[in-house]
C-alpha atoms as a PDB file:
ATOM      1  CA  MET A   1     231.956-180.346 -33.679  1.00  0.00           C
ATOM      2  CA  VAL A   2     228.411-179.549 -32.926  1.00  0.00           C
ATOM      3  CA  ASP A   3     226.581-176.479 -31.069  1.00  0.00           C
ATOM      4  CA  SER A   4     223.377-175.489 -29.720  1.00  0.00           C
ATOM      5  CA  MET A   5     222.583-171.907 -31.792  1.00  0.00           C
ATOM      6  CA  SER A   6     218.832-172.663 -31.196  1.00  0.00           C
ATOM      7  CA  PRO A   7     218.163-174.378 -27.406  1.00  0.00           C
ATOM      8  CA  GLU A   8     214.648-173.313 -27.571  1.00  0.00           C
ATOM      9  CA  VAL A   9     213.501-175.403 -30.872  1.00  0.00           C
ATOM     10  CA  PRO A  10     213.645-178.552 -30.011  1.00  0.00           C
ATOM     11  CA  MET A  11     214.276-181.577 -32.824  1.00  0.00           C
ATOM     12  CA  GLN A  12     211.449-183.736 -33.900  1.00  0.00           C
ATOM     13  CA  ARG A  13     212.033-187.324 -33.237  1.00  0.00           C
ATOM     14  CA  TYR A  14     210.815-190.970 -32.399  1.00  0.00           C
ATOM     15  CA  PRO A  15     212.951-190.833 -30.454  1.00  0.00           C
ATOM     16  CA  GLY A  16     215.942-190.848 -33.290  1.00  0.00           C
ATOM     17  CA  TYR A  17     216.348-189.359 -36.665  1.00  0.00           C
ATOM     18  CA  PRO A  18     215.426-190.405 -39.205  1.00  0.00           C
ATOM     19  CA  PRO A  19     212.152-192.479 -38.017  1.00  0.00           C
ATOM     20  CA  PRO A  20     212.458-195.980 -37.882  1.00  0.00           C
ATOM     21  CA  ARG A  21     211.702-197.876 -40.910  1.00  0.00           C
ATOM     22  CA  ARG A  22     208.656-199.978 -40.139  1.00  0.00           C
ATOM     23  CA  LYS A  23     208.345-203.775 -41.630  1.00  0.00           C
ATOM     24  CA  ARG A  24     207.709-203.409 -45.314  1.00  0.00           C
ATOM     25  CA  PRO A  25     203.797-204.559 -45.386  1.00  0.00           C
ATOM     26  CA  PRO A  26     203.748-207.956 -47.614  1.00  0.00           C
ATOM     27  CA  SER A  27     203.430-207.853 -50.927  1.00  0.00           C
ATOM     28  CA  ILE A  28     200.651-208.632 -53.208  1.00  0.00           C
ATOM     29  CA  VAL A  29     202.213-211.473 -54.849  1.00  0.00           C
ATOM     30  CA  LYS A  30     202.820-213.076 -51.221  1.00  0.00           C
ATOM     31  CA  LEU A  31     199.124-211.754 -50.320  1.00  0.00           C
ATOM     32  CA  ALA A  32     197.435-214.181 -53.019  1.00  0.00           C
ATOM     33  CA  LEU A  33     199.692-216.961 -52.671  1.00  0.00           C
ATOM     34  CA  ILE A  34     198.242-216.511 -48.529  1.00  0.00           C
ATOM     35  CA  ALA A  35     194.889-216.278 -49.817  1.00  0.00           C
ATOM     36  CA  THR A  36     195.384-219.009 -52.069  1.00  0.00           C
ATOM     37  CA  GLY A  37     196.854-221.554 -49.314  1.00  0.00           C
ATOM     38  CA  ALA A  38     193.989-220.379 -46.652  1.00  0.00           C
ATOM     39  CA  GLY A  39     191.819-221.528 -48.964  1.00  0.00           C
ATOM     40  CA  VAL A  40     193.132-224.958 -49.949  1.00  0.00           C
ATOM     41  CA  LEU A  41     193.230-225.460 -46.116  1.00  0.00           C
ATOM     42  CA  THR A  42     189.625-224.519 -45.812  1.00  0.00           C
ATOM     43  CA  THR A  43     188.600-226.227 -48.687  1.00  0.00           C
ATOM     44  CA  ALA A  44     190.175-229.543 -47.039  1.00  0.00           C
ATOM     45  CA  ALA A  45     188.751-228.938 -43.402  1.00  0.00           C
ATOM     46  CA  PHE A  46     184.855-227.884 -44.992  1.00  0.00           C
ATOM     47  CA  GLY A  47     184.748-229.933 -47.931  1.00  0.00           C
ATOM     48  CA  ARG A  48     181.156-230.718 -47.283  1.00  0.00           C
ATOM     49  CA  THR A  49     179.994-226.838 -46.596  1.00  0.00           C
ATOM     50  CA  VAL A  50     182.398-225.764 -49.524  1.00  0.00           C
ATOM     51  CA  ALA A  51     181.038-227.942 -52.084  1.00  0.00           C
ATOM     52  CA  ALA A  52     177.715-227.030 -50.931  1.00  0.00           C
ATOM     53  CA  HIS A  53     177.849-223.259 -51.612  1.00  0.00           C
ATOM     54  CA  PRO A  54     180.954-222.431 -54.088  1.00  0.00           C
ATOM     55  CA  VAL A  55     179.817-219.156 -54.549  1.00  0.00           C
ATOM     56  CA  LEU A  56     179.440-218.207 -51.202  1.00  0.00           C
ATOM     57  CA  THR A  57     182.983-219.600 -50.713  1.00  0.00           C
ATOM     58  CA  ALA A  58     184.194-218.166 -53.092  1.00  0.00           C
ATOM     59  CA  LEU A  59     182.952-214.708 -52.715  1.00  0.00           C
ATOM     60  CA  CYS A  60     184.422-214.745 -48.964  1.00  0.00           C
ATOM     61  CA  LEU A  61     187.617-215.575 -50.145  1.00  0.00           C
ATOM     62  CA  VAL A  62     187.650-212.347 -52.514  1.00  0.00           C
ATOM     63  CA  LEU A  63     186.950-210.126 -49.468  1.00  0.00           C
ATOM     64  CA  GLY A  64     189.270-211.568 -47.325  1.00  0.00           C
ATOM     65  CA  LEU A  65     192.193-211.100 -49.897  1.00  0.00           C
ATOM     66  CA  ALA A  66     190.591-207.478 -50.455  1.00  0.00           C
ATOM     67  CA  ALA A  67     190.462-207.043 -47.037  1.00  0.00           C
ATOM     68  CA  ILE A  68     194.015-207.770 -46.431  1.00  0.00           C
ATOM     69  CA  ILE A  69     195.508-205.973 -48.932  1.00  0.00           C
ATOM     70  CA  GLY A  70     193.625-202.935 -48.015  1.00  0.00           C
ATOM     71  CA  CYS A  71     194.937-202.801 -44.825  1.00  0.00           C
ATOM     72  CA  SER A  72     198.692-203.505 -46.280  1.00  0.00           C
ATOM     73  CA  TYR A  73     197.753-200.882 -48.235  1.00  0.00           C
ATOM     74  CA  TYR A  74     196.643-198.547 -45.285  1.00  0.00           C
ATOM     75  CA  LEU A  75     199.646-199.139 -43.138  1.00  0.00           C
ATOM     76  CA  ALA A  76     202.592-198.273 -46.194  1.00  0.00           C
ATOM     77  CA  ARG A  77     200.930-195.203 -46.474  1.00  0.00           C
ATOM     78  CA  LEU A  78     200.373-194.503 -43.072  1.00  0.00           C
ATOM     79  CA  ALA A  79     204.295-195.635 -42.777  1.00  0.00           C
ATOM     80  CA  GLU A  80     205.200-192.970 -45.456  1.00  0.00           C
ATOM     81  CA  ARG A  81     202.740-190.321 -43.996  1.00  0.00           C
ATOM     82  CA  GLU A  82     204.414-190.065 -40.675  1.00  0.00           C
ATOM     83  CA  ARG A  83     208.252-190.188 -42.406  1.00  0.00           C
ATOM     84  CA  HIS A  84     206.816-187.579 -43.942  1.00  0.00           C
ATOM     85  CA  ALA A  85     205.934-185.615 -41.021  1.00  0.00           C
ATOM     86  CA  ILE A  86     209.283-185.844 -39.423  1.00  0.00           C
ATOM     87  CA  PHE A  87     211.287-185.337 -42.402  1.00  0.00           C
ATOM     88  CA  GLU A  88     209.429-181.687 -42.732  1.00  0.00           C
ATOM     89  CA  ALA A  89     209.496-180.889 -39.216  1.00  0.00           C
ATOM     90  CA  ASN A  90     213.104-180.677 -38.984  1.00  0.00           C
ATOM     91  CA  SER A  91     213.439-179.024 -42.446  1.00  0.00           C
ATOM     92  CA  ARG A  92     214.336-175.946 -40.792  1.00  0.00           C
ATOM     93  CA  LEU A  93     218.372-174.367 -40.318  1.00  0.00           C
ATOM     94  CA  GLU A  94     217.750-173.924 -36.453  1.00  0.00           C
ATOM     95  CA  VAL A  95     216.324-177.684 -35.838  1.00  0.00           C
ATOM     96  CA  VAL A  96     219.350-178.491 -37.845  1.00  0.00           C
ATOM     97  CA  ASP A  97     221.732-176.684 -35.591  1.00  0.00           C
ATOM     98  CA  ARG A  98     221.011-179.094 -33.335  1.00  0.00           C
ATOM     99  CA  MET A  99     221.224-182.196 -34.837  1.00  0.00           C
ATOM    100  CA  THR A 100     224.126-184.485 -33.848  1.00  0.00           C
ATOM    101  CA  GLY A 101     226.576-184.886 -37.245  1.00  0.00           C
ATOM    102  CA  THR A 102     224.883-188.608 -37.956  1.00  0.00           C
ATOM    103  CA  GLN A 103     221.228-186.833 -37.441  1.00  0.00           C
ATOM    104  CA  PHE A 104     222.478-184.716 -39.726  1.00  0.00           C
ATOM    105  CA  GLU A 105     223.819-187.151 -42.423  1.00  0.00           C
ATOM    106  CA  GLU A 106     220.738-189.034 -42.572  1.00  0.00           C
ATOM    107  CA  HIS A 107     218.595-186.220 -42.823  1.00  0.00           C
ATOM    108  CA  ILE A 108     220.943-184.932 -45.915  1.00  0.00           C
ATOM    109  CA  ALA A 109     220.093-188.242 -47.515  1.00  0.00           C
ATOM    110  CA  GLU A 110     215.971-187.616 -46.991  1.00  0.00           C
ATOM    111  CA  LEU A 111     216.717-184.367 -49.001  1.00  0.00           C
ATOM    112  CA  LEU A 112     218.338-186.619 -51.820  1.00  0.00           C
ATOM    113  CA  ARG A 113     215.914-188.993 -52.001  1.00  0.00           C
ATOM    114  CA  ARG A 114     213.134-185.825 -51.826  1.00  0.00           C
ATOM    115  CA  ASP A 115     214.417-184.777 -55.013  1.00  0.00           C
ATOM    116  CA  GLY A 116     214.929-188.038 -56.983  1.00  0.00           C
ATOM    117  CA  PHE A 117     217.998-189.352 -56.015  1.00  0.00           C
ATOM    118  CA  THR A 118     218.163-193.193 -56.195  1.00  0.00           C
ATOM    119  CA  ASP A 119     220.185-196.070 -54.186  1.00  0.00           C
ATOM    120  CA  VAL A 120     220.868-193.406 -51.719  1.00  0.00           C
ATOM    121  CA  ARG A 121     223.147-194.980 -49.217  1.00  0.00           C
ATOM    122  CA  VAL A 122     224.314-193.360 -45.602  1.00  0.00           C
ATOM    123  CA  LEU A 123     227.943-194.556 -44.736  1.00  0.00           C
ATOM    124  CA  GLY A 124     229.073-192.195 -41.893  1.00  0.00           C
ATOM    125  CA  GLY A 125     231.674-193.510 -39.736  1.00  0.00           C
ATOM    126  CA  ALA A 126     235.231-194.715 -39.424  1.00  0.00           C
ATOM    127  CA  GLY A 127     234.650-196.925 -42.537  1.00  0.00           C
ATOM    128  CA  ASP A 128     233.082-194.279 -44.609  1.00  0.00           C
ATOM    129  CA  ARG A 129     236.583-194.067 -46.615  1.00  0.00           C
ATOM    130  CA  GLY A 130     235.978-189.972 -46.913  1.00  0.00           C
ATOM    131  CA  ALA A 131     232.075-189.681 -47.903  1.00  0.00           C
ATOM    132  CA  ASP A 132     229.236-189.880 -45.696  1.00  0.00           C
ATOM    133  CA  ILE A 133     226.387-190.462 -48.521  1.00  0.00           C
ATOM    134  CA  THR A 134     226.280-192.388 -51.725  1.00  0.00           C
ATOM    135  CA  ALA A 135     223.767-192.196 -54.464  1.00  0.00           C
ATOM    136  CA  ARG A 136     222.654-191.768 -57.972  1.00  0.00           C
ATOM    137  CA  ASP A 137     220.982-188.437 -59.608  1.00  0.00           C
ATOM    138  CA  PRO A 138     218.218-188.374 -61.195  1.00  0.00           C
ATOM    139  CA  ASP A 139     220.380-189.002 -64.103  1.00  0.00           C
ATOM    140  CA  ARG A 140     222.029-191.916 -62.451  1.00  0.00           C
ATOM    141  CA  LYS A 141     225.021-190.813 -62.080  1.00  0.00           C
ATOM    142  CA  PRO A 142     226.768-191.603 -59.022  1.00  0.00           C
ATOM    143  CA  VAL A 143     227.628-188.753 -56.678  1.00  0.00           C
ATOM    144  CA  ALA A 144     229.380-189.211 -53.443  1.00  0.00           C
ATOM    145  CA  VAL A 145     228.606-186.808 -50.409  1.00  0.00           C
ATOM    146  CA  GLN A 146     230.853-185.491 -47.356  1.00  0.00           C
ATOM    147  CA  CYS A 147     228.354-183.641 -44.188  1.00  0.00           C
ATOM    148  CA  LYS A 148     229.781-181.437 -41.809  1.00  0.00           C
ATOM    149  CA  ARG A 149     227.351-180.202 -38.802  1.00  0.00           C
ATOM    150  CA  TRP A 150     230.512-178.155 -37.857  1.00  0.00           C
ATOM    151  CA  SER A 151     229.516-174.285 -35.809  1.00  0.00           C
ATOM    152  CA  LYS A 152     232.724-173.215 -37.796  1.00  0.00           C
ATOM    153  CA  PRO A 153     233.674-172.678 -41.270  1.00  0.00           C
ATOM    154  CA  ILE A 154     235.054-175.769 -43.577  1.00  0.00           C
ATOM    155  CA  GLY A 155     238.904-175.175 -44.041  1.00  0.00           C
ATOM    156  CA  ALA A 156     240.635-176.074 -47.313  1.00  0.00           C
ATOM    157  CA  PRO A 157     242.280-179.032 -45.497  1.00  0.00           C
ATOM    158  CA  GLU A 158     239.009-180.561 -44.775  1.00  0.00           C
ATOM    159  CA  VAL A 159     237.705-179.982 -48.423  1.00  0.00           C
ATOM    160  CA  ARG A 160     241.240-181.092 -49.810  1.00  0.00           C
ATOM    161  CA  ASN A 161     240.380-184.421 -47.993  1.00  0.00           C
ATOM    162  CA  PHE A 162     237.444-184.980 -49.476  1.00  0.00           C
ATOM    163  CA  ILE A 163     238.995-184.473 -52.933  1.00  0.00           C
ATOM    164  CA  GLY A 164     241.375-187.036 -52.398  1.00  0.00           C
ATOM    165  CA  ALA A 165     238.827-189.501 -51.442  1.00  0.00           C
ATOM    166  CA  LEU A 166     236.958-188.772 -54.416  1.00  0.00           C
ATOM    167  CA  ASN A 167     239.981-189.491 -56.278  1.00  0.00           C
ATOM    168  CA  ALA A 168     240.850-192.966 -54.835  1.00  0.00           C
ATOM    169  CA  THR A 169     237.682-194.203 -53.747  1.00  0.00           C
ATOM    170  CA  TYR A 170     235.186-192.471 -55.246  1.00  0.00           C
ATOM    171  CA  ASP A 171     236.381-192.379 -58.777  1.00  0.00           C
ATOM    172  CA  GLY A 172     233.660-190.892 -61.763  1.00  0.00           C
ATOM    173  CA  HIS A 173     231.738-189.975 -58.399  1.00  0.00           C
ATOM    174  CA  ARG A 174     230.855-185.946 -58.535  1.00  0.00           C
ATOM    175  CA  GLY A 175     230.979-184.381 -55.082  1.00  0.00           C
ATOM    176  CA  VAL A 176     229.285-182.587 -53.159  1.00  0.00           C
ATOM    177  CA  PHE A 177     230.238-180.796 -49.606  1.00  0.00           C
ATOM    178  CA  VAL A 178     227.510-180.315 -47.632  1.00  0.00           C
ATOM    179  CA  ALA A 179     228.115-177.808 -44.229  1.00  0.00           C
ATOM    180  CA  SER A 180     225.507-176.449 -41.777  1.00  0.00           C
ATOM    181  CA  SER A 181     228.314-173.506 -41.503  1.00  0.00           C
ATOM    182  CA  GLY A 182     230.111-172.523 -44.204  1.00  0.00           C
ATOM    183  CA  PHE A 183     233.647-172.562 -46.106  1.00  0.00           C
ATOM    184  CA  THR A 184     236.375-170.361 -46.308  1.00  0.00           C
ATOM    185  CA  ARG A 185     237.593-168.332 -48.437  1.00  0.00           C
ATOM    186  CA  GLN A 186     240.607-170.881 -49.665  1.00  0.00           C
ATOM    187  CA  ALA A 187     237.984-173.756 -49.169  1.00  0.00           C
ATOM    188  CA  ALA A 188     235.743-172.366 -52.119  1.00  0.00           C
ATOM    189  CA  GLU A 189     239.066-171.835 -54.238  1.00  0.00           C
ATOM    190  CA  GLU A 190     240.342-175.109 -53.640  1.00  0.00           C
ATOM    191  CA  ALA A 191     236.579-176.514 -54.563  1.00  0.00           C
ATOM    192  CA  ALA A 192     236.341-174.416 -57.507  1.00  0.00           C
ATOM    193  CA  LEU A 193     239.698-176.032 -59.002  1.00  0.00           C
ATOM    194  CA  CYS A 194     238.168-179.666 -58.780  1.00  0.00           C
ATOM    195  CA  GLY A 195     234.476-178.700 -59.763  1.00  0.00           C
ATOM    196  CA  LEU A 196     233.321-179.648 -56.301  1.00  0.00           C
ATOM    197  CA  LEU A 197     229.420-178.774 -55.285  1.00  0.00           C
ATOM    198  CA  LEU A 198     229.970-176.927 -51.741  1.00  0.00           C
ATOM    199  CA  VAL A 199     226.519-176.423 -50.630  1.00  0.00           C
ATOM    200  CA  ASP A 200     226.979-173.547 -47.692  1.00  0.00           C
ATOM    201  CA  ARG A 201     224.619-172.314 -44.607  1.00  0.00           C
ATOM    202  CA  PRO A 202     222.597-169.746 -47.459  1.00  0.00           C
ATOM    203  CA  HIS A 203     222.427-172.858 -49.997  1.00  0.00           C
ATOM    204  CA  LEU A 204     221.378-175.088 -47.273  1.00  0.00           C
ATOM    205  CA  ALA A 205     218.275-172.963 -46.206  1.00  0.00           C
ATOM    206  CA  ARG A 206     216.973-172.878 -49.876  1.00  0.00           C
ATOM    207  CA  TRP A 207     217.635-176.756 -50.247  1.00  0.00           C
ATOM    208  CA  LEU A 208     215.834-177.148 -46.803  1.00  0.00           C
ATOM    209  CA  THR A 209     212.590-175.031 -48.354  1.00  0.00           C
ATOM    210  CA  GLY A 210     212.236-177.157 -51.614  1.00  0.00           C
ATOM    211  CA  THR A 211     214.957-175.724 -54.103  1.00  0.00           C
ATOM    212  CA  PRO A 212     216.739-178.710 -55.271  1.00  0.00           C
ATOM    213  CA  ILE A 213     220.932-178.338 -55.522  1.00  0.00           C
ATOM    214  CA  SER A 214     222.031-178.031 -58.814  1.00  0.00           C
ATOM    215  CA  LEU A 215     225.639-180.629 -59.900  1.00  0.00           C
ATOM    216  CA  PRO A 216     228.010-178.985 -62.160  1.00  0.00           C
END
């Protein structure tokens, strides 16, 4: 269930959020192999010229490889800056309020990555088995996250369902329930009994602006 609390604030996207990942530039090892292959082909095709000017040929090959590596690094940095800019543009509650459920899940995954979580996977959909995101915290401990981009507070039944998923499917994972709205008193009581971390609207606002969540 979603709403449009702040229609005057457009969401920043490509279209689609998060920004599509660009194809990863080839690694230095691959580039070295490509350059080596090019050198072999050049030697075979222009054997006499290479033999007559070995130093010049080697210099050209080194410069060519350096140019390829430089371009690859530049493209990787450009893609990262572009992704970071889109992330920052969406790190406000009034923009979060305009996200779809799927966009909200992706944005929470980006917050986790920003704060040093690894192996972050957005599950979502009908096959998520009760959790929208799984990850490992900076200490490599497993975490399961439930996300709700709702306009009304989350009730005790939703919290109990997530606790059930943690016990049945995500055993050993610490649970985090993120809601763009908040939680009822009964939901908070249910979470406290099981050590479940609830991230309500004020907590989310602090998280968006750079304060990491504190896991129990």
